[in-house]
């Protein structure tokens, strides 16, 4: 029977982190989801490992898919849309990254909160270098990693929850706060705004653009604020892209009032 949820994980040549992140999906409290790797042009190493990992997901009753396109630079919007295009009947889309480990009830909580036209936002415990490098697959399989969130993390997530909740209520710009590593959306809502805008290339604007357009839609979506309640564990890694958002080639486009339904998106 087809699953009701499509969990889409972005990846790009980060196999050690991806291996850690995906183990978190083997211990979910529900298996009612399809796990999709949206691969922005990795070398065959990723696919070769996924071919073997598929045996573990299959044993858990979880379907695994690998969606890949050629490496022509940072084209996250395009590969995420392609991962949705290849979907079947899943009514909820969950988006996360290949360097983020989900808690055991991550998918179940998103599933329970899903209603028509809902838009879910959540956060992350950002683990430091020492903790990330000491973490093992055994720690993930046992769930020990779920105790790694610090008081500093919890206060930050509480602050984000408060600002997102009241900012949404007051219809403030840039609210709710959105992080592409923990976001979900009703499939019909995603299709109505035509998904991610593929005019965005380079890091850092595609998620904000999607949030902006969804929140300008009428009627507005039902926002589910998961900060502090359903947060992933982000593994440390060196930051390769140090370009400021205002230096991105699409910054001028982002500053414009873009249509709610983007022109170059899920449906071209």
C-alpha atoms as a PDB file:
ATOM      1  CA  UNK A   1       0.000   0.000   0.000  1.00  0.00           C
ATOM      2  CA  UNK A   2       1.409   3.438  -0.892  1.00  0.00           C
ATOM      3  CA  UNK A   3       2.735   5.478   2.015  1.00  0.00           C
ATOM      4  CA  UNK A   4       1.095   8.743   3.056  1.00  0.00           C
ATOM      5  CA  UNK A   5       4.354  10.664   3.516  1.00  0.00           C
ATOM      6  CA  UNK A   6       7.401  11.402   1.385  1.00  0.00           C
ATOM      7  CA  UNK A   7      10.573  12.244   3.341  1.00  0.00           C
ATOM      8  CA  UNK A   8      13.023  14.017   1.028  1.00  0.00           C
ATOM      9  CA  UNK A   9      16.679  14.259   2.093  1.00  0.00           C
ATOM     10  CA  UNK A  10      19.112  16.456   0.173  1.00  0.00           C
ATOM     11  CA  UNK A  11      22.601  15.102  -0.428  1.00  0.00           C
ATOM     12  CA  UNK A  12      25.801  16.070  -2.185  1.00  0.00           C
ATOM     13  CA  UNK A  13      29.040  14.065  -1.800  1.00  0.00           C
ATOM     14  CA  UNK A  14      28.658  13.734   1.966  1.00  0.00           C
ATOM     15  CA  UNK A  15      28.517   9.960   2.442  1.00  0.00           C
ATOM     16  CA  UNK A  16      29.929   9.770   6.026  1.00  0.00           C
ATOM     17  CA  UNK A  17      27.303  12.236   7.255  1.00  0.00           C
ATOM     18  CA  UNK A  18      24.538  10.758   5.090  1.00  0.00           C
ATOM     19  CA  UNK A  19      25.162   7.303   6.522  1.00  0.00           C
ATOM     20  CA  UNK A  20      24.720   8.673  10.028  1.00  0.00           C
ATOM     21  CA  UNK A  21      21.634  10.695   9.169  1.00  0.00           C
ATOM     22  CA  UNK A  22      19.805   7.898   7.381  1.00  0.00           C
ATOM     23  CA  UNK A  23      20.243   5.462  10.274  1.00  0.00           C
ATOM     24  CA  UNK A  24      17.859   7.691  12.179  1.00  0.00           C
ATOM     25  CA  UNK A  25      15.098   6.752   9.742  1.00  0.00           C
ATOM     26  CA  UNK A  26      15.525   3.059  10.502  1.00  0.00           C
ATOM     27  CA  UNK A  27      14.313   3.636  14.080  1.00  0.00           C
ATOM     28  CA  UNK A  28      11.239   5.735  13.371  1.00  0.00           C
ATOM     29  CA  UNK A  29       8.087   4.953  15.348  1.00  0.00           C
ATOM     30  CA  UNK A  30       6.183   4.712  12.064  1.00  0.00           C
ATOM     31  CA  UNK A  31       7.138   3.113   8.769  1.00  0.00           C
ATOM     32  CA  UNK A  32       4.403   4.942   6.859  1.00  0.00           C
ATOM     33  CA  UNK A  33       6.761   6.929   4.664  1.00  0.00           C
ATOM     34  CA  UNK A  34       8.901   6.734   1.559  1.00  0.00           C
ATOM     35  CA  UNK A  35      12.515   7.842   2.008  1.00  0.00           C
ATOM     36  CA  UNK A  36      13.898   9.774  -0.951  1.00  0.00           C
ATOM     37  CA  UNK A  37      17.473  10.977  -1.442  1.00  0.00           C
ATOM     38  CA  UNK A  38      17.479  14.146  -3.566  1.00  0.00           C
ATOM     39  CA  UNK A  39      21.037  14.059  -4.885  1.00  0.00           C
ATOM     40  CA  UNK A  40      22.386  17.299  -6.359  1.00  0.00           C
ATOM     41  CA  UNK A  41      25.020  15.575  -8.503  1.00  0.00           C
ATOM     42  CA  UNK A  42      27.125  13.387  -6.194  1.00  0.00           C
ATOM     43  CA  UNK A  43      29.707  10.932  -7.504  1.00  0.00           C
ATOM     44  CA  UNK A  44      28.649   7.238  -7.787  1.00  0.00           C
ATOM     45  CA  UNK A  45      29.868   6.566  -4.225  1.00  0.00           C
ATOM     46  CA  UNK A  46      26.508   7.717  -2.846  1.00  0.00           C
ATOM     47  CA  UNK A  47      24.438   5.555  -5.188  1.00  0.00           C
ATOM     48  CA  UNK A  48      26.608   2.496  -4.602  1.00  0.00           C
ATOM     49  CA  UNK A  49      26.131   2.759  -0.849  1.00  0.00           C
ATOM     50  CA  UNK A  50      22.400   3.432  -1.166  1.00  0.00           C
ATOM     51  CA  UNK A  51      22.023   0.236  -3.201  1.00  0.00           C
ATOM     52  CA  UNK A  52      23.235  -1.736  -0.179  1.00  0.00           C
ATOM     53  CA  UNK A  53      21.422   0.415   2.392  1.00  0.00           C
ATOM     54  CA  UNK A  54      18.158  -0.300   0.558  1.00  0.00           C
ATOM     55  CA  UNK A  55      18.263  -3.825   1.965  1.00  0.00           C
ATOM     56  CA  UNK A  56      18.050  -2.424   5.489  1.00  0.00           C
ATOM     57  CA  UNK A  57      15.197  -0.055   4.677  1.00  0.00           C
ATOM     58  CA  UNK A  58      13.334  -2.824   2.859  1.00  0.00           C
ATOM     59  CA  UNK A  59      13.632  -5.076   5.908  1.00  0.00           C
ATOM     60  CA  UNK A  60      11.954  -2.285   7.897  1.00  0.00           C
ATOM     61  CA  UNK A  61       9.169  -1.951   5.328  1.00  0.00           C
ATOM     62  CA  UNK A  62      10.461   1.436   4.127  1.00  0.00           C
ATOM     63  CA  UNK A  63      10.806   2.194   0.427  1.00  0.00           C
ATOM     64  CA  UNK A  64      14.037   3.971  -0.559  1.00  0.00           C
ATOM     65  CA  UNK A  65      14.439   6.071  -3.710  1.00  0.00           C
ATOM     66  CA  UNK A  66      17.443   7.882  -5.157  1.00  0.00           C
ATOM     67  CA  UNK A  67      16.805  10.896  -7.402  1.00  0.00           C
ATOM     68  CA  UNK A  68      19.939  12.303  -9.069  1.00  0.00           C
ATOM     69  CA  UNK A  69      20.858  14.904 -11.633  1.00  0.00           C
ATOM     70  CA  UNK A  70      24.139  16.077 -13.133  1.00  0.00           C
ATOM     71  CA  UNK A  71      26.412  18.287 -11.047  1.00  0.00           C
ATOM     72  CA  UNK A  72      26.072  21.724 -12.623  1.00  0.00           C
ATOM     73  CA  UNK A  73      26.509  23.690  -9.417  1.00  0.00           C
ATOM     74  CA  UNK A  74      24.156  24.235  -6.487  1.00  0.00           C
ATOM     75  CA  UNK A  75      20.693  23.388  -7.853  1.00  0.00           C
ATOM     76  CA  UNK A  76      18.883  22.311  -4.713  1.00  0.00           C
ATOM     77  CA  UNK A  77      15.520  23.745  -5.803  1.00  0.00           C
ATOM     78  CA  UNK A  78      15.582  21.704  -8.990  1.00  0.00           C
ATOM     79  CA  UNK A  79      16.483  18.368  -7.411  1.00  0.00           C
ATOM     80  CA  UNK A  80      13.890  18.821  -4.649  1.00  0.00           C
ATOM     81  CA  UNK A  81      11.195  19.487  -7.220  1.00  0.00           C
ATOM     82  CA  UNK A  82      12.289  16.435  -9.181  1.00  0.00           C
ATOM     83  CA  UNK A  83      12.038  14.311  -6.024  1.00  0.00           C
ATOM     84  CA  UNK A  84       8.439  15.491  -5.639  1.00  0.00           C
ATOM     85  CA  UNK A  85       7.609  14.989  -9.320  1.00  0.00           C
ATOM     86  CA  UNK A  86       8.524  11.322  -9.009  1.00  0.00           C
ATOM     87  CA  UNK A  87       6.174  10.888  -6.047  1.00  0.00           C
ATOM     88  CA  UNK A  88       3.008   8.840  -6.195  1.00  0.00           C
ATOM     89  CA  UNK A  89       0.139   9.647  -3.859  1.00  0.00           C
ATOM     90  CA  UNK A  90       1.918  10.887  -0.717  1.00  0.00           C
ATOM     91  CA  UNK A  91      -0.098  13.717   0.811  1.00  0.00           C
ATOM     92  CA  UNK A  92       2.667  15.102   3.063  1.00  0.00           C
ATOM     93  CA  UNK A  93       6.160  16.189   2.027  1.00  0.00           C
ATOM     94  CA  UNK A  94       8.883  16.358   4.705  1.00  0.00           C
ATOM     95  CA  UNK A  95      12.176  18.024   3.810  1.00  0.00           C
ATOM     96  CA  UNK A  96      15.473  17.549   5.637  1.00  0.00           C
ATOM     97  CA  UNK A  97      19.205  17.373   4.872  1.00  0.00           C
ATOM     98  CA  UNK A  98      21.762  14.594   4.673  1.00  0.00           C
ATOM     99  CA  UNK A  99      23.660  15.927   7.683  1.00  0.00           C
ATOM    100  CA  UNK A 100      20.682  15.828  10.075  1.00  0.00           C
ATOM    101  CA  UNK A 101      19.669  12.896  12.290  1.00  0.00           C
ATOM    102  CA  UNK A 102      15.944  12.710  13.115  1.00  0.00           C
ATOM    103  CA  UNK A 103      14.633  11.735  16.564  1.00  0.00           C
ATOM    104  CA  UNK A 104      12.646   8.500  16.667  1.00  0.00           C
ATOM    105  CA  UNK A 105       9.222  10.163  16.470  1.00  0.00           C
ATOM    106  CA  UNK A 106      10.204  12.763  13.873  1.00  0.00           C
ATOM    107  CA  UNK A 107       8.062  11.420  11.015  1.00  0.00           C
ATOM    108  CA  UNK A 108       5.185  10.397  13.282  1.00  0.00           C
ATOM    109  CA  UNK A 109       4.899  13.904  14.758  1.00  0.00           C
ATOM    110  CA  UNK A 110       4.839  15.472  11.316  1.00  0.00           C
ATOM    111  CA  UNK A 111       2.228  12.919  10.243  1.00  0.00           C
ATOM    112  CA  UNK A 112      -0.008  13.576  13.250  1.00  0.00           C
ATOM    113  CA  UNK A 113       0.126  17.359  12.723  1.00  0.00           C
ATOM    114  CA  UNK A 114      -0.656  17.173   9.021  1.00  0.00           C
ATOM    115  CA  UNK A 115      -3.949  18.644   7.897  1.00  0.00           C
ATOM    116  CA  UNK A 116      -4.957  20.012   4.479  1.00  0.00           C
ATOM    117  CA  UNK A 117      -2.892  23.090   3.561  1.00  0.00           C
ATOM    118  CA  UNK A 118      -0.586  22.776   6.577  1.00  0.00           C
ATOM    119  CA  UNK A 119       2.973  24.131   6.597  1.00  0.00           C
ATOM    120  CA  UNK A 120       5.348  22.771   9.271  1.00  0.00           C
ATOM    121  CA  UNK A 121       8.506  24.511  10.493  1.00  0.00           C
ATOM    122  CA  UNK A 122      11.071  23.093  12.919  1.00  0.00           C
ATOM    123  CA  UNK A 123      14.614  23.517  14.099  1.00  0.00           C
ATOM    124  CA  UNK A 124      17.822  21.671  14.886  1.00  0.00           C
ATOM    125  CA  UNK A 125      20.264  20.961  17.668  1.00  0.00           C
ATOM    126  CA  UNK A 126      23.530  22.046  16.088  1.00  0.00           C
ATOM    127  CA  UNK A 127      26.138  19.618  17.423  1.00  0.00           C
ATOM    128  CA  UNK A 128      29.708  20.880  17.668  1.00  0.00           C
ATOM    129  CA  UNK A 129      32.732  19.365  15.976  1.00  0.00           C
ATOM    130  CA  UNK A 130      33.908  17.266  18.926  1.00  0.00           C
ATOM    131  CA  UNK A 131      30.508  15.690  19.554  1.00  0.00           C
ATOM    132  CA  UNK A 132      29.836  15.112  15.862  1.00  0.00           C
ATOM    133  CA  UNK A 133      33.166  13.378  15.303  1.00  0.00           C
ATOM    134  CA  UNK A 134      32.738  11.135  18.344  1.00  0.00           C
ATOM    135  CA  UNK A 135      29.233  10.048  17.402  1.00  0.00           C
ATOM    136  CA  UNK A 136      28.918   6.483  16.090  1.00  0.00           C
ATOM    137  CA  UNK A 137      26.253   4.556  14.225  1.00  0.00           C
ATOM    138  CA  UNK A 138      25.725   2.573  17.428  1.00  0.00           C
ATOM    139  CA  UNK A 139      24.853   5.831  19.218  1.00  0.00           C
ATOM    140  CA  UNK A 140      22.212   6.481  16.587  1.00  0.00           C
ATOM    141  CA  UNK A 141      20.783   2.963  16.579  1.00  0.00           C
ATOM    142  CA  UNK A 142      20.451   3.064  20.370  1.00  0.00           C
ATOM    143  CA  UNK A 143      18.989   6.563  20.420  1.00  0.00           C
ATOM    144  CA  UNK A 144      21.774   7.842  22.692  1.00  0.00           C
ATOM    145  CA  UNK A 145      22.273  10.882  20.443  1.00  0.00           C
ATOM    146  CA  UNK A 146      18.874  12.247  21.514  1.00  0.00           C
ATOM    147  CA  UNK A 147      20.370  13.327  24.848  1.00  0.00           C
ATOM    148  CA  UNK A 148      22.950  15.613  23.211  1.00  0.00           C
ATOM    149  CA  UNK A 149      20.855  18.771  23.072  1.00  0.00           C
ATOM    150  CA  UNK A 150      22.248  21.387  25.481  1.00  0.00           C
ATOM    151  CA  UNK A 151      20.470  24.046  27.505  1.00  0.00           C
ATOM    152  CA  UNK A 152      21.841  26.628  25.073  1.00  0.00           C
ATOM    153  CA  UNK A 153      20.197  24.726  22.209  1.00  0.00           C
ATOM    154  CA  UNK A 154      16.881  24.511  24.063  1.00  0.00           C
ATOM    155  CA  UNK A 155      16.838  28.225  24.822  1.00  0.00           C
ATOM    156  CA  UNK A 156      17.581  29.044  21.201  1.00  0.00           C
ATOM    157  CA  UNK A 157      14.778  26.784  19.966  1.00  0.00           C
ATOM    158  CA  UNK A 158      12.375  28.280  22.510  1.00  0.00           C
ATOM    159  CA  UNK A 159      13.257  31.760  21.251  1.00  0.00           C
ATOM    160  CA  UNK A 160      12.686  30.716  17.653  1.00  0.00           C
ATOM    161  CA  UNK A 161       9.356  29.143  18.590  1.00  0.00           C
ATOM    162  CA  UNK A 162       8.183  32.345  20.281  1.00  0.00           C
ATOM    163  CA  UNK A 163       9.287  34.620  17.424  1.00  0.00           C
ATOM    164  CA  UNK A 164       7.795  32.339  14.779  1.00  0.00           C
ATOM    165  CA  UNK A 165       4.473  31.992  16.588  1.00  0.00           C
ATOM    166  CA  UNK A 166       3.939  35.699  17.239  1.00  0.00           C
ATOM    167  CA  UNK A 167       5.503  36.784  13.974  1.00  0.00           C
ATOM    168  CA  UNK A 168       3.082  34.528  12.118  1.00  0.00           C
ATOM    169  CA  UNK A 169       0.113  35.805  14.119  1.00  0.00           C
ATOM    170  CA  UNK A 170       1.089  39.426  13.447  1.00  0.00           C
ATOM    171  CA  UNK A 171       1.848  38.669   9.786  1.00  0.00           C
ATOM    172  CA  UNK A 172       5.404  39.941  10.075  1.00  0.00           C
ATOM    173  CA  UNK A 173       7.882  39.621   7.224  1.00  0.00           C
ATOM    174  CA  UNK A 174      10.183  36.561   7.295  1.00  0.00           C
ATOM    175  CA  UNK A 175       7.926  34.650   9.683  1.00  0.00           C
ATOM    176  CA  UNK A 176       7.625  31.894  10.530  1.00  0.00           C
ATOM    177  CA  UNK A 177      11.350  31.237  10.630  1.00  0.00           C
ATOM    178  CA  UNK A 178      12.075  28.465   8.163  1.00  0.00           C
ATOM    179  CA  UNK A 179      15.023  26.057   7.998  1.00  0.00           C
ATOM    180  CA  UNK A 180      15.152  23.729   5.020  1.00  0.00           C
ATOM    181  CA  UNK A 181      16.648  21.014   7.213  1.00  0.00           C
ATOM    182  CA  UNK A 182      13.309  20.599   9.028  1.00  0.00           C
ATOM    183  CA  UNK A 183      10.251  21.623   7.063  1.00  0.00           C
ATOM    184  CA  UNK A 184       7.104  19.911   5.848  1.00  0.00           C
ATOM    185  CA  UNK A 185       4.182  20.840   3.655  1.00  0.00           C
ATOM    186  CA  UNK A 186       0.887  19.468   2.499  1.00  0.00           C
ATOM    187  CA  UNK A 187       1.308  18.141  -1.039  1.00  0.00           C
ATOM    188  CA  UNK A 188      -1.625  20.123  -2.460  1.00  0.00           C
ATOM    189  CA  UNK A 189      -0.278  23.342  -0.935  1.00  0.00           C
ATOM    190  CA  UNK A 190       3.168  22.681  -2.421  1.00  0.00           C
ATOM    191  CA  UNK A 191       1.646  22.084  -5.838  1.00  0.00           C
ATOM    192  CA  UNK A 192      -0.543  25.177  -5.589  1.00  0.00           C
ATOM    193  CA  UNK A 193       2.508  27.466  -5.251  1.00  0.00           C
ATOM    194  CA  UNK A 194       4.354  25.371  -7.890  1.00  0.00           C
ATOM    195  CA  UNK A 195       6.989  24.066  -5.479  1.00  0.00           C
ATOM    196  CA  UNK A 196      10.479  25.496  -5.209  1.00  0.00           C
ATOM    197  CA  UNK A 197      11.400  28.289  -7.590  1.00  0.00           C
ATOM    198  CA  UNK A 198      14.147  26.889  -9.816  1.00  0.00           C
ATOM    199  CA  UNK A 199      15.411  30.367 -10.608  1.00  0.00           C
ATOM    200  CA  UNK A 200      17.203  30.202  -7.265  1.00  0.00           C
ATOM    201  CA  UNK A 201      20.718  28.845  -7.590  1.00  0.00           C
ATOM    202  CA  UNK A 202      23.431  29.018  -4.973  1.00  0.00           C
ATOM    203  CA  UNK A 203      22.968  28.497  -1.262  1.00  0.00           C
ATOM    204  CA  UNK A 204      20.444  30.071   1.032  1.00  0.00           C
ATOM    205  CA  UNK A 205      17.350  31.619  -0.560  1.00  0.00           C
ATOM    206  CA  UNK A 206      15.140  28.854  -1.929  1.00  0.00           C
ATOM    207  CA  UNK A 207      13.544  27.931   1.423  1.00  0.00           C
ATOM    208  CA  UNK A 208      12.887  31.560   2.367  1.00  0.00           C
ATOM    209  CA  UNK A 209      11.302  32.153  -1.033  1.00  0.00           C
ATOM    210  CA  UNK A 210       8.978  29.179  -0.632  1.00  0.00           C
ATOM    211  CA  UNK A 211       7.973  30.409   2.835  1.00  0.00           C
ATOM    212  CA  UNK A 212       7.352  33.924   1.525  1.00  0.00           C
ATOM    213  CA  UNK A 213       5.090  32.740  -1.285  1.00  0.00           C
ATOM    214  CA  UNK A 214       3.148  30.273   0.854  1.00  0.00           C
ATOM    215  CA  UNK A 215       2.489  32.910   3.513  1.00  0.00           C
ATOM    216  CA  UNK A 216       1.189  35.368   0.880  1.00  0.00           C
ATOM    217  CA  UNK A 217      -1.236  32.809  -0.469  1.00  0.00           C
ATOM    218  CA  UNK A 218      -4.954  33.202   0.191  1.00  0.00           C
ATOM    219  CA  UNK A 219      -6.138  31.466   2.231  1.00  0.00           C
ATOM    220  CA  UNK A 220      -3.010  31.353   4.359  1.00  0.00           C
ATOM    221  CA  UNK A 221      -1.744  27.919   5.386  1.00  0.00           C
ATOM    222  CA  UNK A 222      -2.134  26.471   8.837  1.00  0.00           C
ATOM    223  CA  UNK A 223       1.365  26.856  10.336  1.00  0.00           C
ATOM    224  CA  UNK A 224       2.581  24.051  12.608  1.00  0.00           C
ATOM    225  CA  UNK A 225       5.404  25.369  14.809  1.00  0.00           C
ATOM    226  CA  UNK A 226       7.687  22.489  15.825  1.00  0.00           C
ATOM    227  CA  UNK A 227      10.605  24.484  17.230  1.00  0.00           C
ATOM    228  CA  UNK A 228      11.598  22.860  20.516  1.00  0.00           C
ATOM    229  CA  UNK A 229       9.268  19.908  19.985  1.00  0.00           C
ATOM    230  CA  UNK A 230      10.412  18.024  16.882  1.00  0.00           C
ATOM    231  CA  UNK A 231      13.970  19.060  16.080  1.00  0.00           C
ATOM    232  CA  UNK A 232      16.689  17.213  14.175  1.00  0.00           C
ATOM    233  CA  UNK A 233      20.337  16.836  15.236  1.00  0.00           C
ATOM    234  CA  UNK A 234      22.629  18.636  12.821  1.00  0.00           C
ATOM    235  CA  UNK A 235      26.115  17.155  12.451  1.00  0.00           C
ATOM    236  CA  UNK A 236      29.036  19.565  12.306  1.00  0.00           C
ATOM    237  CA  UNK A 237      30.985  19.829   9.063  1.00  0.00           C
ATOM    238  CA  UNK A 238      33.217  22.464   7.476  1.00  0.00           C
ATOM    239  CA  UNK A 239      31.284  25.173   5.691  1.00  0.00           C
ATOM    240  CA  UNK A 240      32.332  25.222   2.056  1.00  0.00           C
ATOM    241  CA  UNK A 241      30.266  28.167   0.883  1.00  0.00           C
ATOM    242  CA  UNK A 242      31.075  31.452   2.615  1.00  0.00           C
ATOM    243  CA  UNK A 243      29.231  33.711   0.165  1.00  0.00           C
ATOM    244  CA  UNK A 244      26.925  36.191   1.876  1.00  0.00           C
ATOM    245  CA  UNK A 245      23.257  35.974   0.883  1.00  0.00           C
ATOM    246  CA  UNK A 246      23.399  39.510  -0.536  1.00  0.00           C
ATOM    247  CA  UNK A 247      26.206  38.408  -2.857  1.00  0.00           C
ATOM    248  CA  UNK A 248      24.208  35.607  -4.445  1.00  0.00           C
ATOM    249  CA  UNK A 249      23.270  36.089  -8.107  1.00  0.00           C
ATOM    250  CA  UNK A 250      19.586  35.668  -7.235  1.00  0.00           C
ATOM    251  CA  UNK A 251      19.545  38.244  -4.416  1.00  0.00           C
ATOM    252  CA  UNK A 252      18.082  40.929  -6.687  1.00  0.00           C
ATOM    253  CA  UNK A 253      15.345  38.530  -7.797  1.00  0.00           C
ATOM    254  CA  UNK A 254      14.589  37.647  -4.176  1.00  0.00           C
ATOM    255  CA  UNK A 255      14.158  41.355  -3.357  1.00  0.00           C
ATOM    256  CA  UNK A 256      11.353  41.624  -5.906  1.00  0.00           C
ATOM    257  CA  UNK A 257       7.736  40.822  -5.095  1.00  0.00           C
ATOM    258  CA  UNK A 258       7.634  37.386  -6.613  1.00  0.00           C
ATOM    259  CA  UNK A 259       4.365  35.705  -7.688  1.00  0.00           C
ATOM    260  CA  UNK A 260       2.804  33.285  -5.221  1.00  0.00           C
ATOM    261  CA  UNK A 261       2.868  30.623  -7.910  1.00  0.00           C
ATOM    262  CA  UNK A 262       6.399  30.701  -9.297  1.00  0.00           C
ATOM    263  CA  UNK A 263       6.896  30.554 -13.057  1.00  0.00           C
ATOM    264  CA  UNK A 264       9.768  28.030 -13.082  1.00  0.00           C
ATOM    265  CA  UNK A 265       8.972  25.376 -10.522  1.00  0.00           C
ATOM    266  CA  UNK A 266       7.383  21.985 -10.027  1.00  0.00           C
ATOM    267  CA  UNK A 267       5.327  22.397 -13.194  1.00  0.00           C
ATOM    268  CA  UNK A 268       7.305  24.111 -15.922  1.00  0.00           C
END
